[in-house]
Amino acid sequence: MGLFSPVIRGYLREIQHLAKGRLLDVGCGDKPYQSVFKNVSEYVGIDLSPKAGIPNRLKSRFEKIDVFARATELPFCSESYDVVLCTQVIAHIMDPDLFFSEVYRVLRNEGVLLATFPLINPLCEVPHEYFRYTEFSFQELCKRNNLCVEEVQKMGGGWFSIGFLARNFLYIDSERAQKVIVKRFLIYLGNVIYSLFERLDNYDRHPECPLNYLGIARKL
């Protein structure tokens, strides 16, 4: 789980009531959000296989994957799922239209897509990170593939973005530090800065610079 995972978990809890029936988690990793969705009858996770050669993936990431497949080639029958969950994945998909068309295909009528995606975030899984999306590009991709957008939530404003990046950079520096005391100080400093800017964000939200998005779309 990444540094932002607890925030994503909180937002997903708020909308978990939308998920019922069969759920497909695209890019599931070790299924960090499975426990959030208590009302689904089945939880299936797909992700790339170890043979894909994605850098810096721990062995534990592959242990809970049910099906190895690409997001643009979902190996399921049409109209076989009620929910598609996709957290922090679409930035890594070279052909987003193909992915959204696949989501439409596997969703049943009235089925829902729950997607989170970053606007401001350090690169990860390099070189397999290709795009950053706004709420408007998400809406356009859904529209082009016959999905009706119900809501796009901004996950954190400008101050939160600054605090998150500062903590991330200090954590990276802590991993490079040779002395334990320096490591601990950098982690502590990162947590303090993050907490302060998170509180500032609650009082002075800058929605023009969100850190992340949660998009909800439905197949009608």
C-alpha atoms as a PDB file:
ATOM      1  CA  MET A   1       0.000   0.000   0.000  1.00  0.00           C
ATOM      2  CA  GLY A   2       1.211   3.473  -0.837  1.00  0.00           C
ATOM      3  CA  LEU A   3       1.261   6.624   1.249  1.00  0.00           C
ATOM      4  CA  PHE A   4      -2.055   7.756  -0.215  1.00  0.00           C
ATOM      5  CA  SER A   5      -3.887   4.454   0.337  1.00  0.00           C
ATOM      6  CA  PRO A   6      -5.481   5.444   3.688  1.00  0.00           C
ATOM      7  CA  VAL A   7      -7.035   8.508   2.030  1.00  0.00           C
ATOM      8  CA  ILE A   8      -8.377   6.416  -0.842  1.00  0.00           C
ATOM      9  CA  ARG A   9      -9.778   3.918   1.654  1.00  0.00           C
ATOM     10  CA  GLY A  10     -11.661   6.714   3.428  1.00  0.00           C
ATOM     11  CA  TYR A  11     -13.250   7.977   0.214  1.00  0.00           C
ATOM     12  CA  LEU A  12     -14.194   4.450  -0.881  1.00  0.00           C
ATOM     13  CA  ARG A  13     -15.899   3.816   2.451  1.00  0.00           C
ATOM     14  CA  GLU A  14     -18.166   6.784   1.748  1.00  0.00           C
ATOM     15  CA  ILE A  15     -19.380   5.290  -1.526  1.00  0.00           C
ATOM     16  CA  GLN A  16     -19.088   1.544  -0.797  1.00  0.00           C
ATOM     17  CA  HIS A  17     -22.906   1.305  -0.694  1.00  0.00           C
ATOM     18  CA  LEU A  18     -22.858   1.706  -4.495  1.00  0.00           C
ATOM     19  CA  ALA A  19     -21.075  -1.639  -4.849  1.00  0.00           C
ATOM     20  CA  LYS A  20     -23.321  -4.717  -4.892  1.00  0.00           C
ATOM     21  CA  GLY A  21     -23.171  -8.012  -6.732  1.00  0.00           C
ATOM     22  CA  ARG A  22     -20.001  -9.066  -8.546  1.00  0.00           C
ATOM     23  CA  LEU A  23     -17.046  -6.685  -8.323  1.00  0.00           C
ATOM     24  CA  LEU A  24     -14.003  -6.675 -10.598  1.00  0.00           C
ATOM     25  CA  ASP A  25     -10.911  -4.937  -9.208  1.00  0.00           C
ATOM     26  CA  VAL A  26      -8.709  -3.927 -12.146  1.00  0.00           C
ATOM     27  CA  GLY A  27      -5.075  -3.508 -11.123  1.00  0.00           C
ATOM     28  CA  CYS A  28      -5.880  -5.057  -7.764  1.00  0.00           C
ATOM     29  CA  GLY A  29      -2.348  -5.635  -6.459  1.00  0.00           C
ATOM     30  CA  ASP A  30      -2.725  -7.198  -3.018  1.00  0.00           C
ATOM     31  CA  LYS A  31      -6.388  -6.085  -2.821  1.00  0.00           C
ATOM     32  CA  PRO A  32      -5.905  -3.346  -0.188  1.00  0.00           C
ATOM     33  CA  TYR A  33      -9.528  -2.194  -0.458  1.00  0.00           C
ATOM     34  CA  GLN A  34     -11.349  -5.528  -0.508  1.00  0.00           C
ATOM     35  CA  SER A  35     -12.419  -5.198   3.131  1.00  0.00           C
ATOM     36  CA  VAL A  36     -14.189  -1.901   2.314  1.00  0.00           C
ATOM     37  CA  PHE A  37     -16.736  -3.563   0.029  1.00  0.00           C
ATOM     38  CA  LYS A  38     -18.757  -5.748   2.369  1.00  0.00           C
ATOM     39  CA  ASN A  39     -21.955  -5.868   0.292  1.00  0.00           C
ATOM     40  CA  VAL A  40     -20.555  -7.547  -2.831  1.00  0.00           C
ATOM     41  CA  SER A  41     -21.239 -11.205  -3.524  1.00  0.00           C
ATOM     42  CA  GLU A  42     -17.908 -11.798  -5.280  1.00  0.00           C
ATOM     43  CA  TYR A  43     -14.605  -9.896  -5.419  1.00  0.00           C
ATOM     44  CA  VAL A  44     -12.353 -10.733  -8.360  1.00  0.00           C
ATOM     45  CA  GLY A  45      -8.960  -9.095  -8.822  1.00  0.00           C
ATOM     46  CA  ILE A  46      -6.907  -8.866 -11.999  1.00  0.00           C
ATOM     47  CA  ASP A  47      -3.432  -7.492 -12.535  1.00  0.00           C
ATOM     48  CA  LEU A  48      -0.367  -7.983 -14.676  1.00  0.00           C
ATOM     49  CA  SER A  49       1.649 -11.149 -14.157  1.00  0.00           C
ATOM     50  CA  PRO A  50       5.227 -11.174 -12.810  1.00  0.00           C
ATOM     51  CA  LYS A  51       6.342 -11.845 -16.381  1.00  0.00           C
ATOM     52  CA  ALA A  52       5.273  -8.311 -17.347  1.00  0.00           C
ATOM     53  CA  GLY A  53       8.434  -7.072 -15.674  1.00  0.00           C
ATOM     54  CA  ILE A  54       6.950  -4.091 -13.825  1.00  0.00           C
ATOM     55  CA  PRO A  55       9.775  -2.696 -11.632  1.00  0.00           C
ATOM     56  CA  ASN A  56       9.690  -2.483  -7.818  1.00  0.00           C
ATOM     57  CA  ARG A  57       6.725  -4.816  -7.343  1.00  0.00           C
ATOM     58  CA  LEU A  58       6.996  -6.937  -4.224  1.00  0.00           C
ATOM     59  CA  LYS A  59       6.196 -10.645  -4.332  1.00  0.00           C
ATOM     60  CA  SER A  60       3.233 -10.054  -2.013  1.00  0.00           C
ATOM     61  CA  ARG A  61       1.565  -7.960  -4.725  1.00  0.00           C
ATOM     62  CA  PHE A  62       0.980 -11.086  -6.808  1.00  0.00           C
ATOM     63  CA  GLU A  63      -0.258 -13.468  -4.117  1.00  0.00           C
ATOM     64  CA  LYS A  64      -3.897 -12.307  -4.071  1.00  0.00           C
ATOM     65  CA  ILE A  65      -4.411 -11.802  -7.798  1.00  0.00           C
ATOM     66  CA  ASP A  66      -7.157 -14.068  -9.164  1.00  0.00           C
ATOM     67  CA  VAL A  67      -6.541 -13.532 -12.880  1.00  0.00           C
ATOM     68  CA  PHE A  68      -3.454 -12.290 -14.698  1.00  0.00           C
ATOM     69  CA  ALA A  69      -4.573 -10.019 -17.538  1.00  0.00           C
ATOM     70  CA  ARG A  70      -4.254  -6.557 -19.039  1.00  0.00           C
ATOM     71  CA  ALA A  71      -6.799  -3.873 -18.275  1.00  0.00           C
ATOM     72  CA  THR A  72      -7.373  -3.412 -22.005  1.00  0.00           C
ATOM     73  CA  GLU A  73      -8.041  -7.136 -22.549  1.00  0.00           C
ATOM     74  CA  LEU A  74     -10.425  -8.207 -19.803  1.00  0.00           C
ATOM     75  CA  PRO A  75     -10.880 -12.006 -20.138  1.00  0.00           C
ATOM     76  CA  PHE A  76     -14.535 -12.040 -19.092  1.00  0.00           C
ATOM     77  CA  CYS A  77     -17.877 -12.372 -20.807  1.00  0.00           C
ATOM     78  CA  SER A  78     -19.850  -9.264 -21.634  1.00  0.00           C
ATOM     79  CA  GLU A  79     -22.186  -7.991 -18.914  1.00  0.00           C
ATOM     80  CA  SER A  80     -20.647 -10.226 -16.245  1.00  0.00           C
ATOM     81  CA  TYR A  81     -19.940  -7.686 -13.463  1.00  0.00           C
ATOM     82  CA  ASP A  82     -21.975  -5.185 -11.479  1.00  0.00           C
ATOM     83  CA  VAL A  83     -18.996  -3.076 -10.371  1.00  0.00           C
ATOM     84  CA  VAL A  84     -15.581  -2.281 -11.807  1.00  0.00           C
ATOM     85  CA  LEU A  85     -13.110  -0.833  -9.304  1.00  0.00           C
ATOM     86  CA  CYS A  86      -9.977   0.812 -10.666  1.00  0.00           C
ATOM     87  CA  THR A  87      -7.708   2.622  -8.175  1.00  0.00           C
ATOM     88  CA  GLN A  88      -4.697   4.600  -9.376  1.00  0.00           C
ATOM     89  CA  VAL A  89      -4.433   2.550 -12.559  1.00  0.00           C
ATOM     90  CA  ILE A  90      -5.559   4.524 -15.611  1.00  0.00           C
ATOM     91  CA  ALA A  91      -2.383   6.644 -15.582  1.00  0.00           C
ATOM     92  CA  HIS A  92      -0.541   3.422 -16.475  1.00  0.00           C
ATOM     93  CA  ILE A  93      -2.750   2.496 -19.444  1.00  0.00           C
ATOM     94  CA  MET A  94      -1.443   3.522 -22.841  1.00  0.00           C
ATOM     95  CA  ASP A  95      -4.834   3.228 -24.579  1.00  0.00           C
ATOM     96  CA  PRO A  96      -7.443   4.568 -22.126  1.00  0.00           C
ATOM     97  CA  ASP A  97     -10.284   4.441 -24.674  1.00  0.00           C
ATOM     98  CA  LEU A  98      -9.754   0.716 -25.059  1.00  0.00           C
ATOM     99  CA  PHE A  99      -9.887   0.280 -21.301  1.00  0.00           C
ATOM    100  CA  PHE A 100     -13.086   2.306 -20.901  1.00  0.00           C
ATOM    101  CA  SER A 101     -14.710   0.375 -23.740  1.00  0.00           C
ATOM    102  CA  GLU A 102     -13.783  -2.868 -21.974  1.00  0.00           C
ATOM    103  CA  VAL A 103     -15.302  -1.542 -18.743  1.00  0.00           C
ATOM    104  CA  TYR A 104     -18.507  -0.806 -20.622  1.00  0.00           C
ATOM    105  CA  ARG A 105     -18.497  -4.283 -22.143  1.00  0.00           C
ATOM    106  CA  VAL A 106     -18.094  -6.269 -18.911  1.00  0.00           C
ATOM    107  CA  LEU A 107     -20.506  -4.128 -16.869  1.00  0.00           C
ATOM    108  CA  ARG A 108     -24.131  -5.153 -16.614  1.00  0.00           C
ATOM    109  CA  ASN A 109     -26.851  -2.560 -17.190  1.00  0.00           C
ATOM    110  CA  GLU A 110     -26.888  -0.133 -14.255  1.00  0.00           C
ATOM    111  CA  GLY A 111     -23.381  -1.335 -13.389  1.00  0.00           C
ATOM    112  CA  VAL A 112     -20.990   1.183 -11.893  1.00  0.00           C
ATOM    113  CA  LEU A 113     -17.362   2.178 -12.433  1.00  0.00           C
ATOM    114  CA  LEU A 114     -15.478   3.446  -9.372  1.00  0.00           C
ATOM    115  CA  ALA A 115     -12.125   4.935 -10.367  1.00  0.00           C
ATOM    116  CA  THR A 116      -9.467   6.924  -8.548  1.00  0.00           C
ATOM    117  CA  PHE A 117      -6.683   8.669 -10.436  1.00  0.00           C
ATOM    118  CA  PRO A 118      -3.926  11.142  -9.539  1.00  0.00           C
ATOM    119  CA  LEU A 119      -3.369  14.621 -10.864  1.00  0.00           C
ATOM    120  CA  ILE A 120      -0.319  15.420  -8.744  1.00  0.00           C
ATOM    121  CA  ASN A 121       1.894  12.495  -7.841  1.00  0.00           C
ATOM    122  CA  PRO A 122       5.521  11.401  -8.210  1.00  0.00           C
ATOM    123  CA  LEU A 123       6.084   9.009 -11.085  1.00  0.00           C
ATOM    124  CA  CYS A 124       5.831   5.338 -10.171  1.00  0.00           C
ATOM    125  CA  GLU A 125       6.388   2.064 -11.993  1.00  0.00           C
ATOM    126  CA  VAL A 126       8.568   3.976 -14.458  1.00  0.00           C
ATOM    127  CA  PRO A 127       8.552   3.774 -17.461  1.00  0.00           C
ATOM    128  CA  HIS A 128       4.987   2.477 -17.352  1.00  0.00           C
ATOM    129  CA  GLU A 129       3.272   5.721 -16.411  1.00  0.00           C
ATOM    130  CA  TYR A 130       1.824   7.644 -19.313  1.00  0.00           C
ATOM    131  CA  PHE A 131      -0.857  10.211 -18.438  1.00  0.00           C
ATOM    132  CA  ARG A 132      -2.390  12.504 -15.850  1.00  0.00           C
ATOM    133  CA  TYR A 133      -6.144  13.052 -15.959  1.00  0.00           C
ATOM    134  CA  THR A 134      -8.435  15.879 -14.858  1.00  0.00           C
ATOM    135  CA  GLU A 135     -12.125  15.565 -14.048  1.00  0.00           C
ATOM    136  CA  PHE A 136     -12.819  16.771 -17.582  1.00  0.00           C
ATOM    137  CA  SER A 137     -10.741  14.127 -19.335  1.00  0.00           C
ATOM    138  CA  PHE A 138     -12.383  11.435 -17.179  1.00  0.00           C
ATOM    139  CA  GLN A 139     -15.801  12.753 -18.187  1.00  0.00           C
ATOM    140  CA  GLU A 140     -14.815  12.788 -21.851  1.00  0.00           C
ATOM    141  CA  LEU A 141     -13.466   9.227 -21.769  1.00  0.00           C
ATOM    142  CA  CYS A 142     -16.657   8.029 -20.117  1.00  0.00           C
ATOM    143  CA  LYS A 143     -18.836   9.902 -22.605  1.00  0.00           C
ATOM    144  CA  ARG A 144     -16.966   8.484 -25.597  1.00  0.00           C
ATOM    145  CA  ASN A 145     -17.549   4.983 -24.247  1.00  0.00           C
ATOM    146  CA  ASN A 146     -21.215   5.333 -23.279  1.00  0.00           C
ATOM    147  CA  LEU A 147     -20.701   5.598 -19.532  1.00  0.00           C
ATOM    148  CA  CYS A 148     -22.705   8.231 -17.657  1.00  0.00           C
ATOM    149  CA  VAL A 149     -20.670  10.171 -15.098  1.00  0.00           C
ATOM    150  CA  GLU A 150     -22.577  10.578 -11.846  1.00  0.00           C
ATOM    151  CA  GLU A 151     -19.927  12.365  -9.800  1.00  0.00           C
ATOM    152  CA  VAL A 152     -16.269  13.351  -9.719  1.00  0.00           C
ATOM    153  CA  GLN A 153     -14.866  14.147  -6.274  1.00  0.00           C
ATOM    154  CA  LYS A 154     -11.646  16.061  -5.677  1.00  0.00           C
ATOM    155  CA  MET A 155      -9.519  14.247  -3.132  1.00  0.00           C
ATOM    156  CA  GLY A 156      -7.591  16.987  -1.359  1.00  0.00           C
ATOM    157  CA  GLY A 157      -6.935  20.572  -2.404  1.00  0.00           C
ATOM    158  CA  GLY A 158      -3.782  22.561  -3.053  1.00  0.00           C
ATOM    159  CA  TRP A 159      -2.405  22.627   0.495  1.00  0.00           C
ATOM    160  CA  PHE A 160      -2.982  18.904   0.870  1.00  0.00           C
ATOM    161  CA  SER A 161      -1.069  18.364  -2.381  1.00  0.00           C
ATOM    162  CA  ILE A 162       1.912  20.306  -1.020  1.00  0.00           C
ATOM    163  CA  GLY A 163       1.885  18.373   2.244  1.00  0.00           C
ATOM    164  CA  PHE A 164       1.630  15.031   0.473  1.00  0.00           C
ATOM    165  CA  LEU A 165       4.534  15.805  -1.864  1.00  0.00           C
ATOM    166  CA  ALA A 166       6.712  17.089   0.997  1.00  0.00           C
ATOM    167  CA  ARG A 167       6.107  13.913   2.991  1.00  0.00           C
ATOM    168  CA  ASN A 168       6.778  11.768  -0.052  1.00  0.00           C
ATOM    169  CA  PHE A 169      10.082  13.491  -0.776  1.00  0.00           C
ATOM    170  CA  LEU A 170      11.210  13.222   2.849  1.00  0.00           C
ATOM    171  CA  TYR A 171      10.326   9.526   2.925  1.00  0.00           C
ATOM    172  CA  ILE A 172      12.447   9.009  -0.188  1.00  0.00           C
ATOM    173  CA  ASP A 173      15.314  10.891   1.471  1.00  0.00           C
ATOM    174  CA  SER A 174      14.911   8.717   4.580  1.00  0.00           C
ATOM    175  CA  GLU A 175      15.413   5.582   2.484  1.00  0.00           C
ATOM    176  CA  ARG A 176      18.687   6.996   1.195  1.00  0.00           C
ATOM    177  CA  ALA A 177      19.950   8.102   4.607  1.00  0.00           C
ATOM    178  CA  GLN A 178      22.715   6.003   6.154  1.00  0.00           C
ATOM    179  CA  LYS A 179      22.126   6.785   9.821  1.00  0.00           C
ATOM    180  CA  VAL A 180      19.062   5.465  11.643  1.00  0.00           C
ATOM    181  CA  ILE A 181      18.569   8.705  13.548  1.00  0.00           C
ATOM    182  CA  VAL A 182      18.467  10.651  10.278  1.00  0.00           C
ATOM    183  CA  LYS A 183      15.967   8.195   8.810  1.00  0.00           C
ATOM    184  CA  ARG A 184      13.679   8.556  11.815  1.00  0.00           C
ATOM    185  CA  PHE A 185      13.943  12.342  11.824  1.00  0.00           C
ATOM    186  CA  LEU A 186      13.068  12.626   8.130  1.00  0.00           C
ATOM    187  CA  ILE A 187      10.049  10.341   8.539  1.00  0.00           C
ATOM    188  CA  TYR A 188       8.933  12.286  11.613  1.00  0.00           C
ATOM    189  CA  LEU A 189       9.374  15.610   9.815  1.00  0.00           C
ATOM    190  CA  GLY A 190       7.425  14.329   6.825  1.00  0.00           C
ATOM    191  CA  ASN A 191       4.518  13.239   9.019  1.00  0.00           C
ATOM    192  CA  VAL A 192       4.451  16.583  10.852  1.00  0.00           C
ATOM    193  CA  ILE A 193       4.437  18.608   7.615  1.00  0.00           C
ATOM    194  CA  TYR A 194       1.775  16.353   6.113  1.00  0.00           C
ATOM    195  CA  SER A 195      -0.458  16.720   9.169  1.00  0.00           C
ATOM    196  CA  LEU A 196      -0.095  20.510   9.246  1.00  0.00           C
ATOM    197  CA  PHE A 197      -0.898  20.966   5.567  1.00  0.00           C
ATOM    198  CA  GLU A 198      -3.799  18.510   5.800  1.00  0.00           C
ATOM    199  CA  ARG A 199      -5.324  20.688   8.536  1.00  0.00           C
ATOM    200  CA  LEU A 200      -4.652  23.844   6.533  1.00  0.00           C
ATOM    201  CA  ASP A 201      -6.388  22.244   3.575  1.00  0.00           C
ATOM    202  CA  ASN A 202      -9.516  21.715   5.668  1.00  0.00           C
ATOM    203  CA  TYR A 203      -9.686  25.462   6.378  1.00  0.00           C
ATOM    204  CA  ASP A 204      -8.458  26.847   3.069  1.00  0.00           C
ATOM    205  CA  ARG A 205      -9.217  24.339   0.327  1.00  0.00           C
ATOM    206  CA  HIS A 206      -7.792  25.168  -3.098  1.00  0.00           C
ATOM    207  CA  PRO A 207      -9.897  23.034  -5.472  1.00  0.00           C
ATOM    208  CA  GLU A 208      -8.024  24.391  -8.486  1.00  0.00           C
ATOM    209  CA  CYS A 209      -5.110  22.131  -7.571  1.00  0.00           C
ATOM    210  CA  PRO A 210      -6.479  18.759  -6.382  1.00  0.00           C
ATOM    211  CA  LEU A 211      -4.134  15.933  -5.546  1.00  0.00           C
ATOM    212  CA  ASN A 212      -6.382  13.122  -6.704  1.00  0.00           C
ATOM    213  CA  TYR A 213      -9.862  12.322  -8.034  1.00  0.00           C
ATOM    214  CA  LEU A 214     -12.599   9.793  -7.414  1.00  0.00           C
ATOM    215  CA  GLY A 215     -14.830   9.254 -10.432  1.00  0.00           C
ATOM    216  CA  ILE A 216     -18.180   7.451 -10.423  1.00  0.00           C
ATOM    217  CA  ALA A 217     -19.796   6.450 -13.701  1.00  0.00           C
ATOM    218  CA  ARG A 218     -22.628   4.113 -14.624  1.00  0.00           C
ATOM    219  CA  LYS A 219     -23.645   2.008 -17.615  1.00  0.00           C
ATOM    220  CA  LEU A 220     -27.213   2.908 -18.569  1.00  0.00           C
END
